């Protein structure tokens, strides 16, 4: 998976739970839960959508790598 494909998947999944998200306003290096005020259920739903979309299982120990867009992109390009 390329970085652009990973980023597209991340934002596609994010728009499903937060349709008002403006991609251009998201800072890829800042914690998404703080930027977008995501609660734990939103975050879990987002993680499941990414996992299913990428076809990779994301173990609990790696969940923290998905706090930022940059972290999620890096993880997906290495594991998908």
Protein backbone atom coordinates (compact mmCIF):
# COMPACT_ATOMS: atom_id res chain seq x y z
CA UNK A 1 0.00 0.00 0.00
CA UNK A 2 1.35 3.42 -0.92
CA UNK A 3 1.32 6.38 1.45
CA UNK A 4 -1.41 8.05 -0.62
CA UNK A 5 -3.56 4.90 -0.61
CA UNK A 6 -3.14 4.63 3.16
CA UNK A 7 -4.05 8.29 3.65
CA UNK A 8 -7.12 7.87 1.42
CA UNK A 9 -8.27 4.83 3.43
CA UNK A 10 -7.73 6.67 6.71
CA UNK A 11 -9.82 9.64 5.64
CA UNK A 12 -12.52 7.51 4.01
CA UNK A 13 -12.94 5.71 7.32
CA UNK A 14 -12.85 8.99 9.22
CA UNK A 15 -15.55 10.61 7.07
CA UNK A 16 -17.86 7.69 7.85
CA UNK A 17 -17.81 8.58 11.56
CA UNK A 18 -17.26 12.34 11.30
CA UNK A 19 -18.68 13.58 7.97
CA UNK A 20 -17.88 17.19 8.82
CA UNK A 21 -14.12 16.55 8.77
CA UNK A 22 -12.20 18.85 6.45
CA UNK A 23 -9.10 16.97 5.28
CA UNK A 24 -7.21 20.17 4.68
CA UNK A 25 -7.77 21.26 8.29
CA UNK A 26 -6.37 18.06 9.82
CA UNK A 27 -2.77 18.26 11.01
CA UNK A 28 -1.27 14.86 10.19
CA UNK A 29 1.14 15.05 13.13
CA UNK A 30 -1.40 15.91 15.85
CA UNK A 31 -3.51 13.46 17.86
CA UNK A 32 -6.78 12.94 15.97
CA UNK A 33 -8.85 12.32 19.07
CA UNK A 34 -7.93 15.80 20.30
CA UNK A 35 -8.23 17.55 16.93
CA UNK A 36 -11.60 16.09 16.06
CA UNK A 37 -12.97 15.44 19.54
CA UNK A 38 -13.44 11.72 18.82
CA UNK A 39 -14.77 9.64 21.67
CA UNK A 40 -13.62 6.08 22.34
CA UNK A 41 -16.45 4.52 20.30
CA UNK A 42 -15.69 6.75 17.31
CA UNK A 43 -12.03 5.83 17.56
CA UNK A 44 -12.82 2.11 17.79
CA UNK A 45 -15.18 2.33 14.80
CA UNK A 46 -12.49 4.15 12.84
CA UNK A 47 -9.86 1.53 13.72
CA UNK A 48 -12.16 -1.32 12.66
CA UNK A 49 -12.89 0.38 9.33
CA UNK A 50 -9.18 0.87 8.66
CA UNK A 51 -8.40 -2.73 9.61
CA UNK A 52 -11.12 -4.09 7.33
CA UNK A 53 -10.30 -1.69 4.49
CA UNK A 54 -6.60 -2.54 4.55
CA UNK A 55 -7.12 -6.22 5.21
CA UNK A 56 -4.77 -6.20 8.18
CA UNK A 57 -5.31 -7.13 11.78
CA UNK A 58 -4.18 -4.36 14.09
CA UNK A 59 -3.09 -5.82 17.43
CA UNK A 60 -3.92 -3.95 20.63
CA UNK A 61 -0.25 -3.12 21.18
CA UNK A 62 -0.21 -1.13 17.90
CA UNK A 63 -3.37 0.93 18.42
CA UNK A 64 -1.36 3.89 19.74
CA UNK A 65 0.35 4.15 16.36
CA UNK A 66 -2.98 5.33 14.97
CA UNK A 67 -3.31 8.43 17.12
CA UNK A 68 -2.04 10.59 14.25
CA UNK A 69 -2.56 10.40 10.51
CA UNK A 70 1.22 10.21 10.05
CA UNK A 71 1.46 7.25 12.41
CA UNK A 72 -1.43 5.45 10.78
CA UNK A 73 -0.02 6.00 7.29
CA UNK A 74 3.39 4.69 8.34
CA UNK A 75 1.86 1.63 9.97
CA UNK A 76 -0.30 0.79 6.95
CA UNK A 77 2.51 1.23 4.43
CA UNK A 78 4.61 -1.21 6.45
CA UNK A 79 1.90 -3.80 7.21
CA UNK A 80 -0.68 -3.74 4.41
